[in-house]
Structure formats: structure tokens, C-alpha cells
Amino acid sequence: MQMNEKTMVADTLAGINGELVRFAEMIPQTENKELKNVLKQFRSACEQSQEELFQIAREKSYYVPAAKATEEEVQHVRSLFTSSDL
């Protein structure tokens, strides 16, 4: 089976997103400041790559984002996180 460009972009984005999750887990768990800074640099580079690839995917219509949330939807979610019930 031959992979097409859209599949390769999607697979690469999924891999990058997985790496970002791993960095988010590792950074707060290390006490070594130097290691923490290196991990943050790697995360930053990874985020930049993800954003660049995401823009390419959008330009080629490989990814179509969901419709933007309405102001009412934003306010509803905001109220969920600011209510005293949490």
C-alpha cells in the first residue's frame, strides 16, 4: 500500500502531538534545571514544527478546522471553570 501525502502529513502531526504530550509529562517531573530547560527547548522546537505542518495541512485542505465557537459557547465554557461548584 502506498501512502499519499495527506496520510503522511496526518501521521506526522499525530506523532508530533504525541511528543508534545510526552514533553508536557516530563518537564514538571524533573528537578534538574538544566534538563528542564533542554526539554523546554525541545518542546518549543516541536511546537514550531507542529504549527508549520499544521499550516501546510490547512493550505492543502488536508485539515479543515471546526467552526469557531460562538460567544455564547465561549461564555458557557468560561462559566463552567469559574463557577464555585468546581
N, C-alpha and C. Protein backbone atom coordinates (compact mmCIF):
# COMPACT_ATOMS: atom_id res chain seq x y z
N MET A 1 0.85 -1.18 0.00
CA MET A 1 0.00 0.00 0.00
C MET A 1 0.89 1.24 0.00
N GLN A 2 0.59 2.17 -0.88
CA GLN A 2 1.36 3.40 -0.98
C GLN A 2 0.68 4.51 -0.20
N MET A 3 1.46 5.21 0.62
CA MET A 3 0.90 6.30 1.41
C MET A 3 0.86 7.56 0.56
N ASN A 4 -0.23 8.29 0.66
CA ASN A 4 -0.29 9.56 -0.04
C ASN A 4 0.17 10.68 0.88
N GLU A 5 0.33 11.86 0.32
CA GLU A 5 0.85 13.00 1.09
C GLU A 5 -0.06 13.35 2.26
N LYS A 6 -1.36 13.30 2.06
CA LYS A 6 -2.29 13.65 3.14
C LYS A 6 -2.12 12.71 4.32
N THR A 7 -1.97 11.43 4.06
CA THR A 7 -1.78 10.44 5.13
C THR A 7 -0.47 10.67 5.85
N MET A 8 0.58 10.98 5.10
CA MET A 8 1.88 11.22 5.72
C MET A 8 1.84 12.47 6.61
N VAL A 9 1.17 13.51 6.16
CA VAL A 9 1.06 14.73 6.97
C VAL A 9 0.28 14.43 8.24
N ALA A 10 -0.83 13.71 8.11
CA ALA A 10 -1.65 13.38 9.28
C ALA A 10 -0.86 12.51 10.27
N ASP A 11 -0.12 11.53 9.77
CA ASP A 11 0.68 10.67 10.64
C ASP A 11 1.78 11.47 11.34
N THR A 12 2.40 12.37 10.61
CA THR A 12 3.47 13.19 11.19
C THR A 12 2.90 14.10 12.27
N LEU A 13 1.76 14.72 12.00
CA LEU A 13 1.12 15.58 13.01
C LEU A 13 0.75 14.78 14.25
N ALA A 14 0.24 13.58 14.07
CA ALA A 14 -0.11 12.74 15.21
C ALA A 14 1.15 12.40 16.03
N GLY A 15 2.25 12.13 15.35
CA GLY A 15 3.50 11.83 16.05
C GLY A 15 4.02 13.03 16.83
N ILE A 16 3.97 14.20 16.20
CA ILE A 16 4.42 15.43 16.87
C ILE A 16 3.54 15.71 18.09
N ASN A 17 2.24 15.56 17.93
CA ASN A 17 1.33 15.79 19.05
C ASN A 17 1.62 14.84 20.20
N GLY A 18 1.98 13.61 19.88
CA GLY A 18 2.35 12.65 20.92
C GLY A 18 3.61 13.07 21.65
N GLU A 19 4.57 13.60 20.90
CA GLU A 19 5.80 14.08 21.52
C GLU A 19 5.51 15.26 22.44
N LEU A 20 4.62 16.14 22.02
CA LEU A 20 4.26 17.29 22.86
C LEU A 20 3.64 16.82 24.18
N VAL A 21 2.84 15.77 24.12
CA VAL A 21 2.25 15.21 25.34
C VAL A 21 3.36 14.68 26.25
N ARG A 22 4.33 14.00 25.66
CA ARG A 22 5.42 13.45 26.46
C ARG A 22 6.24 14.57 27.12
N PHE A 23 6.52 15.63 26.37
CA PHE A 23 7.25 16.75 26.97
C PHE A 23 6.44 17.36 28.11
N ALA A 24 5.14 17.49 27.93
CA ALA A 24 4.28 18.05 28.99
C ALA A 24 4.33 17.18 30.24
N GLU A 25 4.52 15.88 30.07
CA GLU A 25 4.62 14.98 31.22
C GLU A 25 6.00 15.04 31.87
N MET A 26 7.04 15.14 31.05
CA MET A 26 8.41 15.07 31.57
C MET A 26 8.86 16.36 32.25
N ILE A 27 8.54 17.50 31.68
CA ILE A 27 9.07 18.77 32.18
C ILE A 27 8.76 18.99 33.65
N PRO A 28 7.53 18.84 34.10
CA PRO A 28 7.28 19.10 35.52
C PRO A 28 7.83 18.02 36.45
N GLN A 29 8.23 16.89 35.90
CA GLN A 29 8.70 15.79 36.75
C GLN A 29 10.20 15.81 37.01
N THR A 30 10.94 16.67 36.33
CA THR A 30 12.38 16.69 36.56
C THR A 30 12.76 17.81 37.52
N GLU A 31 13.70 17.51 38.38
CA GLU A 31 14.20 18.51 39.31
C GLU A 31 15.45 19.20 38.78
N ASN A 32 16.09 18.61 37.79
CA ASN A 32 17.32 19.15 37.21
C ASN A 32 16.97 20.33 36.31
N LYS A 33 17.38 21.54 36.70
CA LYS A 33 17.03 22.74 35.94
C LYS A 33 17.58 22.72 34.52
N GLU A 34 18.80 22.22 34.37
CA GLU A 34 19.40 22.17 33.04
C GLU A 34 18.61 21.24 32.13
N LEU A 35 18.27 20.07 32.64
CA LEU A 35 17.46 19.12 31.86
C LEU A 35 16.09 19.73 31.56
N LYS A 36 15.50 20.39 32.53
CA LYS A 36 14.20 21.01 32.33
C LYS A 36 14.27 22.05 31.21
N ASN A 37 15.33 22.86 31.19
CA ASN A 37 15.49 23.86 30.14
C ASN A 37 15.68 23.23 28.76
N VAL A 38 16.45 22.15 28.70
CA VAL A 38 16.65 21.45 27.43
C VAL A 38 15.32 20.87 26.94
N LEU A 39 14.56 20.27 27.84
CA LEU A 39 13.26 19.72 27.45
C LEU A 39 12.32 20.81 26.96
N LYS A 40 12.37 21.98 27.60
CA LYS A 40 11.54 23.11 27.16
C LYS A 40 11.96 23.58 25.77
N GLN A 41 13.26 23.57 25.48
CA GLN A 41 13.74 23.95 24.16
C GLN A 41 13.25 22.96 23.10
N PHE A 42 13.35 21.67 23.45
CA PHE A 42 12.85 20.64 22.53
C PHE A 42 11.35 20.80 22.30
N ARG A 43 10.61 21.06 23.38
CA ARG A 43 9.16 21.26 23.26
C ARG A 43 8.86 22.45 22.35
N SER A 44 9.59 23.52 22.53
CA SER A 44 9.38 24.72 21.71
C SER A 44 9.63 24.42 20.23
N ALA A 45 10.72 23.72 19.94
CA ALA A 45 11.01 23.35 18.55
C ALA A 45 9.94 22.43 17.99
N CYS A 46 9.46 21.53 18.82
CA CYS A 46 8.40 20.60 18.43
C CYS A 46 7.11 21.36 18.14
N GLU A 47 6.78 22.34 18.99
CA GLU A 47 5.59 23.16 18.78
C GLU A 47 5.69 23.95 17.48
N GLN A 48 6.89 24.46 17.19
CA GLN A 48 7.09 25.21 15.95
C GLN A 48 6.89 24.30 14.74
N SER A 49 7.45 23.10 14.79
CA SER A 49 7.27 22.14 13.70
C SER A 49 5.80 21.79 13.52
N GLN A 50 5.10 21.58 14.64
CA GLN A 50 3.68 21.25 14.58
C GLN A 50 2.90 22.37 13.92
N GLU A 51 3.19 23.61 14.29
CA GLU A 51 2.47 24.75 13.72
C GLU A 51 2.74 24.88 12.23
N GLU A 52 3.99 24.70 11.81
CA GLU A 52 4.33 24.79 10.38
C GLU A 52 3.62 23.71 9.59
N LEU A 53 3.64 22.49 10.10
CA LEU A 53 2.99 21.39 9.40
C LEU A 53 1.47 21.57 9.39
N PHE A 54 0.93 22.08 10.49
CA PHE A 54 -0.50 22.36 10.57
C PHE A 54 -0.91 23.38 9.51
N GLN A 55 -0.10 24.42 9.33
CA GLN A 55 -0.41 25.45 8.32
C GLN A 55 -0.38 24.85 6.91
N ILE A 56 0.59 23.98 6.65
CA ILE A 56 0.65 23.30 5.35
C ILE A 56 -0.60 22.46 5.14
N ALA A 57 -1.00 21.72 6.17
CA ALA A 57 -2.20 20.88 6.08
C ALA A 57 -3.43 21.73 5.79
N ARG A 58 -3.55 22.88 6.43
CA ARG A 58 -4.70 23.77 6.17
C ARG A 58 -4.67 24.32 4.76
N GLU A 59 -3.48 24.74 4.29
CA GLU A 59 -3.36 25.29 2.94
C GLU A 59 -3.75 24.29 1.87
N LYS A 60 -3.44 23.03 2.12
CA LYS A 60 -3.74 21.97 1.15
C LYS A 60 -5.11 21.34 1.39
N SER A 61 -5.85 21.89 2.35
CA SER A 61 -7.17 21.38 2.72
C SER A 61 -7.12 19.94 3.23
N TYR A 62 -5.98 19.55 3.80
CA TYR A 62 -5.89 18.25 4.45
C TYR A 62 -6.55 18.30 5.82
N TYR A 63 -6.64 19.49 6.35
CA TYR A 63 -7.26 19.68 7.66
C TYR A 63 -8.21 20.86 7.55
N VAL A 64 -9.45 20.64 7.92
CA VAL A 64 -10.43 21.71 7.94
C VAL A 64 -10.87 21.87 9.39
N PRO A 65 -10.56 23.02 10.01
CA PRO A 65 -10.89 23.19 11.42
C PRO A 65 -12.40 23.24 11.64
N ALA A 66 -12.79 22.93 12.84
CA ALA A 66 -14.20 23.02 13.21
C ALA A 66 -14.63 24.48 13.16
N ALA A 67 -15.92 24.68 13.10
CA ALA A 67 -16.45 26.05 13.10
C ALA A 67 -16.05 26.74 14.40
N LYS A 68 -15.85 28.04 14.32
CA LYS A 68 -15.49 28.80 15.52
C LYS A 68 -16.64 28.80 16.51
N ALA A 69 -16.28 28.77 17.77
CA ALA A 69 -17.29 28.79 18.83
C ALA A 69 -17.97 30.15 18.86
N THR A 70 -19.25 30.11 19.16
CA THR A 70 -19.99 31.37 19.31
C THR A 70 -19.61 32.01 20.64
N GLU A 71 -19.93 33.27 20.79
CA GLU A 71 -19.65 33.96 22.05
C GLU A 71 -20.41 33.29 23.19
N GLU A 72 -21.62 32.82 22.92
CA GLU A 72 -22.40 32.14 23.96
C GLU A 72 -21.72 30.85 24.40
N GLU A 73 -21.17 30.10 23.45
CA GLU A 73 -20.47 28.86 23.79
C GLU A 73 -19.22 29.15 24.61
N VAL A 74 -18.50 30.18 24.24
CA VAL A 74 -17.30 30.57 24.99
C VAL A 74 -17.68 30.96 26.41
N GLN A 75 -18.72 31.75 26.55
CA GLN A 75 -19.16 32.17 27.89
C GLN A 75 -19.61 30.98 28.73
N HIS A 76 -20.29 30.03 28.10
CA HIS A 76 -20.74 28.85 28.82
C HIS A 76 -19.55 28.07 29.38
N VAL A 77 -18.55 27.83 28.53
CA VAL A 77 -17.37 27.09 28.98
C VAL A 77 -16.64 27.88 30.06
N ARG A 78 -16.52 29.19 29.86
CA ARG A 78 -15.87 30.02 30.87
C ARG A 78 -16.59 29.91 32.20
N SER A 79 -17.93 29.90 32.16
CA SER A 79 -18.70 29.82 33.40
C SER A 79 -18.49 28.47 34.09
N LEU A 80 -18.27 27.43 33.32
CA LEU A 80 -18.01 26.11 33.91
C LEU A 80 -16.74 26.11 34.75
N PHE A 81 -15.75 26.90 34.32
CA PHE A 81 -14.47 26.92 35.01
C PHE A 81 -14.38 28.02 36.07
N THR A 82 -15.34 28.89 36.10
CA THR A 82 -15.30 29.96 37.10
C THR A 82 -16.39 29.81 38.15
N SER A 83 -17.22 28.81 38.00
CA SER A 83 -18.30 28.62 38.99
C SER A 83 -17.72 28.07 40.29
N SER A 84 -18.42 28.28 41.35
CA SER A 84 -17.96 27.83 42.66
C SER A 84 -18.22 26.34 42.88
N ASP A 85 -18.84 25.68 41.91
CA ASP A 85 -19.15 24.24 42.04
C ASP A 85 -17.94 23.35 41.81
N LEU A 86 -16.85 23.89 41.29
CA LEU A 86 -15.66 23.06 40.99
C LEU A 86 -14.93 22.67 42.21
